[in-house]
Amino acid sequence: MEKNYLKYTCIWVFIILAGLLLMYFLPGFTIHGHVMRRVDLLGDVRIREEQPEDPDSLLPLLPKVKPAFVDTCRTGATCIEDYSDSTLRGMTPFYRALDELNQHPRLVRIAVFGDSFIEADILTADLRNMLQSKYGGCGVGFVTMTSMTSGFRPTVRHFFSGWQSHSITDSTYFDRRKQGISGHYFIPNPGAYVELRGQDKYASLLDTCEQASIFFYSQSEVTLSVSVNRSEKQTRTFFPIEDLQEMKVDGHIGSVRWTVDEADSTLFYGLAMDGKQGIIVDNFSLRGSSGLSLRSIPMWMMHEFNDRRPYDLIILQYGLNVATERGRDYDKYAEGMKTTIDHLKEAFPQAGILIVTVGDRNYKTESGTMRTMPGVKNLVRYQQKLAADNGIAFWNMFEAMGGDGSMAKLVHAKPSLANYDYTHINFRGGKHLAGLLYDALIYGKEQYDRRRAYEAE
């Protein structure tokens, strides 16, 4: 008869089960620093009592993560894109200057360097008017001694005689070492004069100014006379120094006439009609320029002008003389413009820099329709990358105009806003584009204020 082991198996199972259940009551213990877990055979079905959590007061508070401020742009608008880095060479210096202007009287200066697109004060005239109307200021700003477009510039009446004019775009010999900030220098003949008169027929705040200046560099004595509002002349003699010199007059100035009574080895650069607070916009247009010539202006001369006229914002508007009909590779131009931007950063260390792109330019296709040159759109992309790579600001004027085919629309508008070369705007078109740039500047300032207020919360 075989022995029955089933009962022994059940007994052992019962003993082991009982032992495991009883092990639940054993206290916890540690072996060599390791905490041994308690045996709880019924742990999966047991109803657990909620353990009280440690009081929060014993724990450090979690830091509040504040989301970064996000710039927005109004629907349908073309806003300024600021690529500035920690050096803050984008729009911040200009916006800070406007804040300072609101706190105490000061001048906020803008220099606009460009090509024939802004010649004769097109676009800059209305931009100046809009900014001066909002923030104050008067006068037309910087004017070269002579000008090919003096008869067409409506913002100032400009008369001159007896000057030898030299420009970096001259086909004959030009001494780059002598040029001033505008890319010119002027040599007077005996009795040379230049006169500026304010006017009230185009824009406002230009009929009178509060101070007028003439800028020159001389290696010998020079004697100048000035007549304000056709009054009696004031005469002054200047001795040679190794710096840019300035003769200035103050008052309620409607006209000012400068006469060179005596000069030898003297170079003249330009004049200015300014206010004593508010906005100044200087137009430095140079027909045929690509912007690369700015890097050839001697650094010492740029520093001299910065001492006399420190800019808060420099606008670079170039491209008409760079874009080709189907151009794709603008690498060499971008490399050259980088050196130009570096040159300006060193010369005007306090200024922000804004690239304004080339505008639309149309050509006639084989079918006779007017279309945007593909090379223009390619250049716009290079200009945007140039701004991003150099940590400055960017405004897409091509997009603001309306993009593809927008120049033709401006030409055929009633009344016309551009010329029939499908390249250049007229003064009505300049006013239109100035309004778009003005809106972008003001909206950018509003966003700057919102960001500061948000970060201060």
Protein backbone atom coordinates (compact mmCIF):
# COMPACT_ATOMS: atom_id res chain seq x y z
CA MET A 1 0.00 0.00 0.00
CA GLU A 2 1.46 3.32 -1.14
CA LYS A 3 1.99 6.10 1.37
CA ASN A 4 -0.22 9.29 0.82
CA TYR A 5 1.96 12.43 0.68
CA LEU A 6 -0.87 14.85 -0.26
CA LYS A 7 -1.66 15.70 3.34
CA TYR A 8 1.99 16.51 4.04
CA THR A 9 2.06 18.79 1.01
CA CYS A 10 -1.05 20.64 2.25
CA ILE A 11 0.42 20.93 5.74
CA TRP A 12 3.63 22.51 4.37
CA VAL A 13 1.67 24.89 2.14
CA PHE A 14 -0.37 25.93 5.18
CA ILE A 15 2.75 26.43 7.30
CA ILE A 16 4.50 28.48 4.60
CA LEU A 17 1.40 30.57 3.96
CA ALA A 18 0.95 31.22 7.65
CA GLY A 19 4.62 32.16 7.96
CA LEU A 20 4.38 34.63 5.09
CA LEU A 21 1.26 36.20 6.59
CA LEU A 22 2.93 36.51 9.98
CA MET A 23 6.03 38.14 8.44
CA TYR A 24 3.87 41.24 7.75
CA PHE A 25 4.06 42.01 11.48
CA LEU A 26 7.86 41.97 11.53
CA PRO A 27 9.35 45.50 11.95
CA GLY A 28 11.39 46.98 9.11
CA PHE A 29 15.14 46.62 9.34
CA THR A 30 18.30 47.63 7.52
CA ILE A 31 21.24 45.49 6.45
CA HIS A 32 24.48 47.33 5.58
CA GLY A 33 22.57 50.53 4.82
CA HIS A 34 19.93 48.85 2.60
CA VAL A 35 16.33 49.11 3.82
CA MET A 36 14.61 45.70 3.48
CA ARG A 37 11.06 45.79 2.23
CA ARG A 38 8.28 44.37 4.42
CA VAL A 39 6.55 41.17 3.25
CA ASP A 40 2.86 41.82 2.65
CA LEU A 41 1.21 38.91 0.89
CA LEU A 42 -2.16 40.72 0.85
CA GLY A 43 -0.72 44.06 -0.27
CA ASP A 44 -2.57 44.06 -3.60
CA VAL A 45 -6.00 43.66 -1.97
CA ARG A 46 -5.46 45.50 1.30
CA ILE A 47 -7.27 48.88 1.70
CA ARG A 48 -4.50 51.33 2.52
CA GLU A 49 -4.86 54.30 4.79
CA GLU A 50 -3.71 57.61 3.26
CA GLN A 51 -0.37 58.58 4.72
CA PRO A 52 -0.16 62.23 5.69
CA GLU A 53 2.26 64.10 3.46
CA ASP A 54 5.10 66.14 4.84
CA PRO A 55 4.06 69.74 5.36
CA ASP A 56 4.90 72.01 2.37
CA SER A 57 6.47 74.50 4.72
CA LEU A 58 9.42 72.17 5.09
CA LEU A 59 10.08 72.11 1.31
CA PRO A 60 11.54 74.88 -0.87
CA LEU A 61 8.99 76.64 -3.06
CA LEU A 62 9.13 75.82 -6.74
CA PRO A 63 10.31 78.78 -8.84
CA LYS A 64 7.69 80.38 -11.05
CA VAL A 65 8.56 80.06 -14.71
CA LYS A 66 7.57 83.24 -16.54
CA PRO A 67 7.11 82.73 -20.28
CA ALA A 68 9.24 84.91 -22.51
CA PHE A 69 7.62 87.95 -24.07
CA VAL A 70 6.60 87.22 -27.65
CA ASP A 71 6.63 90.01 -30.21
CA THR A 72 3.58 90.15 -32.43
CA CYS A 73 2.81 91.95 -35.67
CA ARG A 74 -0.51 93.35 -36.73
CA THR A 75 -2.27 91.48 -39.51
CA GLY A 76 -1.42 92.97 -42.88
CA ALA A 77 1.49 95.05 -41.55
CA THR A 78 5.19 94.61 -42.26
CA CYS A 79 7.00 94.94 -38.95
CA ILE A 80 10.64 95.51 -38.14
CA GLU A 81 12.49 92.30 -37.30
CA ASP A 82 15.18 92.91 -34.71
CA TYR A 83 18.02 90.39 -34.84
CA SER A 84 20.18 92.21 -32.31
CA ASP A 85 22.18 90.15 -29.84
CA SER A 86 23.60 91.16 -26.47
CA THR A 87 25.36 94.11 -28.13
CA LEU A 88 21.92 95.70 -28.74
CA ARG A 89 22.83 97.18 -32.12
CA GLY A 90 19.28 96.85 -33.45
CA MET A 91 16.40 99.18 -32.54
CA THR A 92 17.04 99.43 -28.78
CA PRO A 93 19.31 102.54 -28.90
CA PHE A 94 16.66 104.43 -30.89
CA TYR A 95 13.81 103.42 -28.59
CA ARG A 96 15.87 104.33 -25.53
CA ALA A 97 16.61 107.72 -27.07
CA LEU A 98 12.87 108.33 -27.54
CA ASP A 99 12.34 107.49 -23.87
CA GLU A 100 15.03 109.97 -22.89
CA LEU A 101 13.43 112.58 -25.13
CA ASN A 102 10.18 112.19 -23.21
CA GLN A 103 12.03 112.71 -19.91
CA HIS A 104 14.18 115.73 -20.81
CA PRO A 105 14.99 117.83 -23.89
CA ARG A 106 17.51 116.23 -26.22
CA LEU A 107 18.09 115.55 -29.91
CA VAL A 108 17.33 112.15 -31.41
CA ARG A 109 19.29 111.81 -34.64
CA ILE A 110 18.62 109.46 -37.56
CA ALA A 111 20.98 109.05 -40.51
CA VAL A 112 19.53 107.53 -43.69
CA PHE A 113 22.17 106.28 -46.12
CA GLY A 114 20.82 105.26 -49.50
CA ASP A 115 20.96 105.45 -53.27
CA SER A 116 18.83 107.30 -55.84
CA PHE A 117 15.68 105.75 -54.35
CA ILE A 118 15.78 108.47 -51.65
CA GLU A 119 17.42 111.18 -53.74
CA ALA A 120 16.13 114.74 -53.31
CA ASP A 121 14.72 113.75 -49.89
CA ILE A 122 12.12 111.37 -51.35
CA LEU A 123 10.68 109.20 -48.54
CA THR A 124 12.95 110.76 -45.89
CA ALA A 125 11.11 114.10 -46.21
CA ASP A 126 7.82 112.60 -45.08
CA LEU A 127 9.43 110.29 -42.53
CA ARG A 128 11.08 113.37 -41.00
CA ASN A 129 7.78 115.25 -41.02
CA MET A 130 5.89 112.42 -39.31
CA LEU A 131 8.51 111.92 -36.61
CA GLN A 132 8.93 115.64 -35.94
CA SER A 133 5.17 116.07 -35.72
CA LYS A 134 5.00 113.36 -33.04
CA TYR A 135 8.21 113.94 -31.09
CA GLY A 136 9.10 117.54 -31.90
CA GLY A 137 12.00 119.00 -33.80
CA CYS A 138 12.49 121.24 -36.81
CA GLY A 139 14.81 121.79 -39.73
CA VAL A 140 15.89 119.71 -42.70
CA GLY A 141 19.08 118.33 -41.15
CA PHE A 142 22.31 117.81 -43.11
CA VAL A 143 22.69 119.20 -46.65
CA THR A 144 25.81 118.91 -48.83
CA MET A 145 27.45 122.14 -50.04
CA THR A 146 26.20 121.62 -53.59
CA SER A 147 23.71 119.17 -55.07
CA MET A 148 22.64 117.99 -58.50
CA THR A 149 19.06 117.78 -57.23
CA SER A 150 18.87 121.12 -55.42
CA GLY A 151 16.21 122.33 -57.84
CA PHE A 152 14.04 119.26 -57.21
CA ARG A 153 14.37 118.91 -53.45
CA PRO A 154 11.22 120.46 -51.97
CA THR A 155 12.23 120.40 -48.31
CA VAL A 156 14.80 123.21 -48.50
CA ARG A 157 15.69 125.98 -50.95
CA HIS A 158 19.37 125.57 -51.75
CA PHE A 159 21.57 128.12 -53.56
CA PHE A 160 25.35 128.01 -54.09
CA SER A 161 28.16 129.24 -56.27
CA GLY A 162 31.95 129.04 -56.48
CA TRP A 163 32.50 125.44 -55.36
CA GLN A 164 34.54 122.56 -56.76
CA SER A 165 32.51 119.47 -55.97
CA HIS A 166 34.07 116.03 -55.57
CA SER A 167 32.09 112.81 -55.08
CA ILE A 168 33.18 109.22 -54.65
CA THR A 169 31.07 108.36 -57.70
CA ASP A 170 33.07 110.72 -59.93
CA SER A 171 34.71 109.10 -62.92
CA THR A 172 37.76 111.37 -62.54
CA TYR A 173 40.27 111.40 -59.71
CA PHE A 174 38.80 111.41 -56.22
CA ASP A 175 40.88 111.41 -53.04
CA ARG A 176 39.13 109.02 -50.66
CA ARG A 177 41.23 110.29 -47.75
CA LYS A 178 39.52 113.68 -47.95
CA GLN A 179 35.86 112.62 -48.07
CA GLY A 180 33.32 113.33 -45.39
CA ILE A 181 30.35 111.34 -44.13
CA SER A 182 28.32 111.93 -47.31
CA GLY A 183 31.06 110.67 -49.63
CA HIS A 184 31.87 114.20 -50.83
CA TYR A 185 34.27 117.04 -50.24
CA PHE A 186 34.07 120.60 -51.58
CA ILE A 187 36.83 123.11 -52.31
CA PRO A 188 35.87 126.81 -52.36
CA ASN A 189 36.90 129.31 -55.00
CA PRO A 190 37.35 132.93 -53.83
CA GLY A 191 34.00 134.34 -52.71
CA ALA A 192 32.19 130.97 -52.71
CA TYR A 193 28.85 131.01 -50.92
CA VAL A 194 26.02 128.67 -50.02
CA GLU A 195 22.54 129.59 -48.80
CA LEU A 196 19.72 127.54 -47.29
CA ARG A 197 16.19 128.82 -46.90
CA GLY A 198 13.38 127.15 -45.05
CA GLN A 199 10.05 126.58 -46.75
CA ASP A 200 6.47 125.74 -45.75
CA LYS A 201 5.11 124.31 -48.99
CA TYR A 202 6.25 120.71 -48.43
CA ALA A 203 6.02 119.03 -45.04
CA SER A 204 5.89 121.08 -41.88
CA LEU A 205 8.38 122.41 -39.34
CA LEU A 206 10.85 123.29 -42.10
CA ASP A 207 10.19 127.01 -42.55
CA THR A 208 12.48 127.91 -39.65
CA CYS A 209 15.06 126.19 -37.50
CA GLU A 210 16.81 126.97 -34.22
CA GLN A 211 20.44 126.43 -35.14
CA ALA A 212 22.47 126.29 -38.37
CA SER A 213 25.98 124.94 -38.90
CA ILE A 214 28.69 124.57 -41.52
CA PHE A 215 31.34 121.82 -41.31
CA PHE A 216 34.91 122.04 -42.60
CA TYR A 217 38.51 120.91 -42.11
CA SER A 218 41.36 123.32 -42.63
CA GLN A 219 45.16 123.19 -42.49
CA SER A 220 45.40 126.98 -42.55
CA GLU A 221 43.42 129.96 -41.33
CA VAL A 222 39.92 130.31 -42.76
CA THR A 223 37.57 133.28 -42.46
CA LEU A 224 33.81 132.78 -42.84
CA SER A 225 30.89 135.19 -42.86
CA VAL A 226 27.30 134.28 -42.07
CA SER A 227 24.09 136.20 -42.55
CA VAL A 228 20.93 135.00 -40.79
CA ASN A 229 17.59 136.09 -42.23
CA ARG A 230 19.52 138.49 -44.53
CA SER A 231 20.73 140.49 -41.57
CA GLU A 232 24.17 141.99 -41.09
CA LYS A 233 27.03 139.55 -41.57
CA GLN A 234 28.91 137.98 -38.69
CA THR A 235 32.56 137.17 -39.47
CA ARG A 236 34.82 134.72 -37.71
CA THR A 237 38.33 133.40 -38.29
CA PHE A 238 39.29 129.80 -37.49
CA PHE A 239 42.82 128.54 -36.94
CA PRO A 240 44.03 125.17 -38.22
CA ILE A 241 43.53 122.16 -35.93
CA GLU A 242 43.56 118.42 -36.58
CA ASP A 243 39.80 118.11 -36.06
CA LEU A 244 36.59 118.71 -37.95
CA GLN A 245 35.45 122.27 -37.27
CA GLU A 246 31.96 123.72 -37.09
CA MET A 247 30.67 127.26 -37.20
CA LYS A 248 27.23 127.51 -35.62
CA VAL A 249 24.60 130.22 -35.28
CA ASP A 250 21.45 130.16 -33.15
CA GLY A 251 18.13 131.94 -33.42
CA HIS A 252 14.83 131.87 -35.22
CA ILE A 253 16.39 131.04 -38.59
CA GLY A 254 14.41 131.20 -41.81
CA SER A 255 17.45 131.60 -44.08
CA VAL A 256 21.19 131.40 -43.62
CA ARG A 257 23.94 132.36 -46.06
CA TRP A 258 27.58 131.37 -45.57
CA THR A 259 30.40 133.08 -47.49
CA VAL A 260 34.04 131.99 -47.62
CA ASP A 261 36.02 135.21 -47.25
CA GLU A 262 39.44 133.60 -47.07
CA ALA A 263 40.54 129.97 -47.19
CA ASP A 264 43.52 127.92 -48.23
CA SER A 265 43.84 124.15 -47.98
CA THR A 266 40.30 124.01 -46.63
CA LEU A 267 37.78 121.24 -47.31
CA PHE A 268 34.07 121.78 -46.72
CA TYR A 269 31.57 118.96 -46.20
CA GLY A 270 28.10 120.32 -45.64
CA LEU A 271 25.59 122.37 -43.69
CA ALA A 272 22.78 121.67 -41.28
CA MET A 273 19.52 123.27 -40.19
CA ASP A 274 18.37 121.74 -36.92
CA GLY A 275 16.26 122.15 -33.85
CA LYS A 276 17.61 121.99 -30.30
CA GLN A 277 15.42 119.07 -29.26
CA GLY A 278 13.28 116.49 -30.98
CA ILE A 279 13.98 114.56 -34.16
CA ILE A 280 16.66 115.16 -36.80
CA VAL A 281 16.69 113.09 -40.00
CA ASP A 282 19.79 113.43 -42.20
CA ASN A 283 19.50 112.23 -45.80
CA PHE A 284 22.76 110.86 -47.23
CA SER A 285 21.67 109.75 -50.68
CA LEU A 286 24.32 108.94 -53.27
CA ARG A 287 23.24 108.18 -56.81
CA GLY A 288 24.68 104.91 -58.14
CA SER A 289 25.84 103.71 -54.72
CA SER A 290 25.61 100.11 -53.51
CA GLY A 291 26.53 101.02 -49.93
CA LEU A 292 30.01 99.53 -50.18
CA SER A 293 31.63 102.95 -50.53
CA LEU A 294 30.75 103.78 -46.91
CA ARG A 295 33.58 101.57 -45.73
CA SER A 296 36.08 103.80 -47.56
CA ILE A 297 35.27 106.89 -45.46
CA PRO A 298 38.25 107.36 -43.12
CA MET A 299 37.50 106.18 -39.60
CA TRP A 300 38.92 109.33 -38.03
CA MET A 301 36.51 111.41 -40.14
CA MET A 302 33.56 109.24 -39.12
CA HIS A 303 34.53 109.68 -35.48
CA GLU A 304 34.74 113.44 -35.98
CA PHE A 305 31.21 113.53 -37.38
CA ASN A 306 30.02 111.28 -34.58
CA ASP A 307 31.36 113.80 -32.07
CA ARG A 308 29.39 116.55 -33.84
CA ARG A 309 26.29 114.58 -34.81
CA PRO A 310 25.95 111.37 -32.75
CA TYR A 311 23.25 109.21 -34.33
CA ASP A 312 20.81 107.04 -32.41
CA LEU A 313 19.68 105.15 -35.52
CA ILE A 314 21.38 104.49 -38.88
CA ILE A 315 19.16 103.30 -41.73
CA LEU A 316 20.79 101.58 -44.71
CA GLN A 317 18.61 101.59 -47.85
CA TYR A 318 20.45 100.07 -50.81
CA GLY A 319 19.93 97.54 -53.57
CA LEU A 320 18.87 99.25 -56.81
CA ASN A 321 22.47 99.28 -58.01
CA VAL A 322 23.09 95.70 -56.87
CA ALA A 323 20.12 93.66 -58.06
CA THR A 324 20.29 92.20 -61.55
CA GLU A 325 17.41 90.82 -63.55
CA ARG A 326 17.97 87.18 -62.59
CA GLY A 327 20.79 87.45 -60.05
CA ARG A 328 21.04 84.61 -57.56
CA ASP A 329 24.49 84.83 -56.02
CA TYR A 330 25.06 87.97 -53.92
CA ASP A 331 27.66 86.40 -51.64
CA LYS A 332 30.42 88.87 -52.49
CA TYR A 333 28.07 91.82 -51.99
CA ALA A 334 26.98 90.45 -48.61
CA GLU A 335 30.63 90.03 -47.58
CA GLY A 336 31.32 93.62 -48.61
CA MET A 337 28.29 94.95 -46.74
CA LYS A 338 29.42 93.13 -43.61
CA THR A 339 32.61 95.21 -43.65
CA THR A 340 30.45 98.32 -44.18
CA ILE A 341 28.31 97.44 -41.16
CA ASP A 342 31.39 96.73 -39.05
CA HIS A 343 32.79 100.10 -40.14
CA LEU A 344 29.60 101.88 -39.05
CA LYS A 345 29.46 100.00 -35.76
CA GLU A 346 32.97 101.15 -34.90
CA ALA A 347 32.38 104.71 -36.10
CA PHE A 348 29.03 105.15 -34.32
CA PRO A 349 29.22 102.82 -31.29
CA GLN A 350 26.04 104.22 -29.71
CA ALA A 351 23.81 103.80 -32.79
CA GLY A 352 21.33 101.11 -33.75
CA ILE A 353 21.37 99.96 -37.37
CA LEU A 354 18.35 99.10 -39.54
CA ILE A 355 18.56 97.55 -43.00
CA VAL A 356 15.70 98.61 -45.30
CA THR A 357 15.55 96.29 -48.29
CA VAL A 358 15.53 97.15 -51.93
CA GLY A 359 12.08 98.03 -53.22
CA ASP A 360 10.26 96.26 -56.01
CA ARG A 361 11.68 96.65 -59.50
CA ASN A 362 9.82 95.47 -62.60
CA TYR A 363 10.88 94.45 -66.09
CA LYS A 364 8.99 93.63 -69.26
CA THR A 365 8.80 89.96 -70.15
CA GLU A 366 8.81 88.57 -73.71
CA SER A 367 5.02 88.56 -73.61
CA GLY A 368 5.01 92.27 -72.76
CA THR A 369 3.82 91.97 -69.15
CA MET A 370 5.54 93.74 -66.26
CA ARG A 371 6.93 91.46 -63.56
CA THR A 372 9.25 91.67 -60.59
CA MET A 373 12.86 90.93 -61.38
CA PRO A 374 13.70 87.57 -59.75
CA GLY A 375 17.06 89.04 -58.76
CA VAL A 376 15.27 91.56 -56.53
CA LYS A 377 13.57 88.88 -54.46
CA ASN A 378 16.84 86.97 -54.14
CA LEU A 379 18.62 90.12 -52.91
CA VAL A 380 15.91 90.70 -50.28
CA ARG A 381 16.68 87.28 -48.79
CA TYR A 382 20.39 88.11 -48.70
CA GLN A 383 19.66 91.42 -46.99
CA GLN A 384 17.58 89.69 -44.33
CA LYS A 385 20.34 87.15 -43.70
CA LEU A 386 22.84 90.01 -43.56
CA ALA A 387 20.83 91.65 -40.77
CA ALA A 388 20.51 88.36 -38.87
CA ASP A 389 24.21 87.49 -39.20
CA ASN A 390 25.29 90.94 -38.00
CA GLY A 391 22.86 91.31 -35.10
CA ILE A 392 21.00 94.36 -36.42
CA ALA A 393 17.40 95.18 -37.43
CA PHE A 394 15.59 94.53 -40.72
CA TRP A 395 12.55 95.96 -42.50
CA ASN A 396 11.26 94.35 -45.69
CA MET A 397 10.28 97.31 -47.86
CA PHE A 398 9.68 94.99 -50.82
CA GLU A 399 6.99 93.18 -48.83
CA ALA A 400 5.58 96.44 -47.44
CA MET A 401 5.14 97.77 -50.99
CA GLY A 402 3.02 94.75 -51.82
CA GLY A 403 5.58 92.24 -53.06
CA ASP A 404 5.47 90.87 -56.60
CA GLY A 405 4.36 93.40 -59.18
CA SER A 406 3.84 96.18 -56.62
CA MET A 407 5.98 98.71 -58.52
CA ALA A 408 3.75 98.43 -61.58
CA LYS A 409 0.72 99.04 -59.34
CA LEU A 410 2.36 102.18 -57.95
CA VAL A 411 3.20 103.40 -61.47
CA HIS A 412 -0.38 102.93 -62.70
CA ALA A 413 -2.09 104.25 -59.57
CA LYS A 414 -4.25 107.38 -59.91
CA PRO A 415 -2.40 109.62 -59.23
CA SER A 416 0.84 107.79 -59.99
CA LEU A 417 3.10 106.91 -57.06
CA ALA A 418 6.18 105.88 -59.09
CA ASN A 419 8.01 106.68 -62.30
CA TYR A 420 7.72 104.89 -65.62
CA ASP A 421 11.17 103.38 -65.24
CA TYR A 422 9.38 100.92 -62.90
CA THR A 423 12.29 101.41 -60.49
CA HIS A 424 11.95 104.73 -58.67
CA ILE A 425 9.09 106.12 -56.61
CA ASN A 426 8.02 109.76 -56.81
CA PHE A 427 7.24 112.03 -53.85
CA ARG A 428 3.68 110.69 -53.55
CA GLY A 429 5.09 107.17 -53.45
CA GLY A 430 7.71 108.34 -50.97
CA LYS A 431 4.99 109.62 -48.67
CA HIS A 432 3.18 106.29 -48.96
CA LEU A 433 6.27 104.25 -48.08
CA ALA A 434 7.34 106.71 -45.37
CA GLY A 435 3.97 106.13 -43.72
CA LEU A 436 4.55 102.37 -43.72
CA LEU A 437 8.04 102.72 -42.25
CA TYR A 438 6.79 105.25 -39.69
CA ASP A 439 4.05 102.82 -38.61
CA ALA A 440 6.65 100.05 -38.27
CA LEU A 441 8.88 102.28 -36.13
CA ILE A 442 6.03 103.39 -33.86
CA TYR A 443 4.63 99.87 -33.50
CA GLY A 444 8.12 98.61 -32.71
CA LYS A 445 8.40 101.25 -29.98
CA GLU A 446 5.03 100.17 -28.56
CA GLN A 447 6.19 96.53 -28.49
CA TYR A 448 9.44 97.62 -26.84
CA ASP A 449 7.43 99.40 -24.11
CA ARG A 450 5.15 96.38 -23.63
CA ARG A 451 8.15 94.07 -23.30
CA ARG A 452 9.79 96.29 -20.68
CA ALA A 453 6.55 96.54 -18.70
CA TYR A 454 6.03 92.76 -18.88
CA GLU A 455 9.58 92.00 -17.76
CA ALA A 456 9.23 94.46 -14.85
CA GLU A 457 6.14 92.68 -13.47
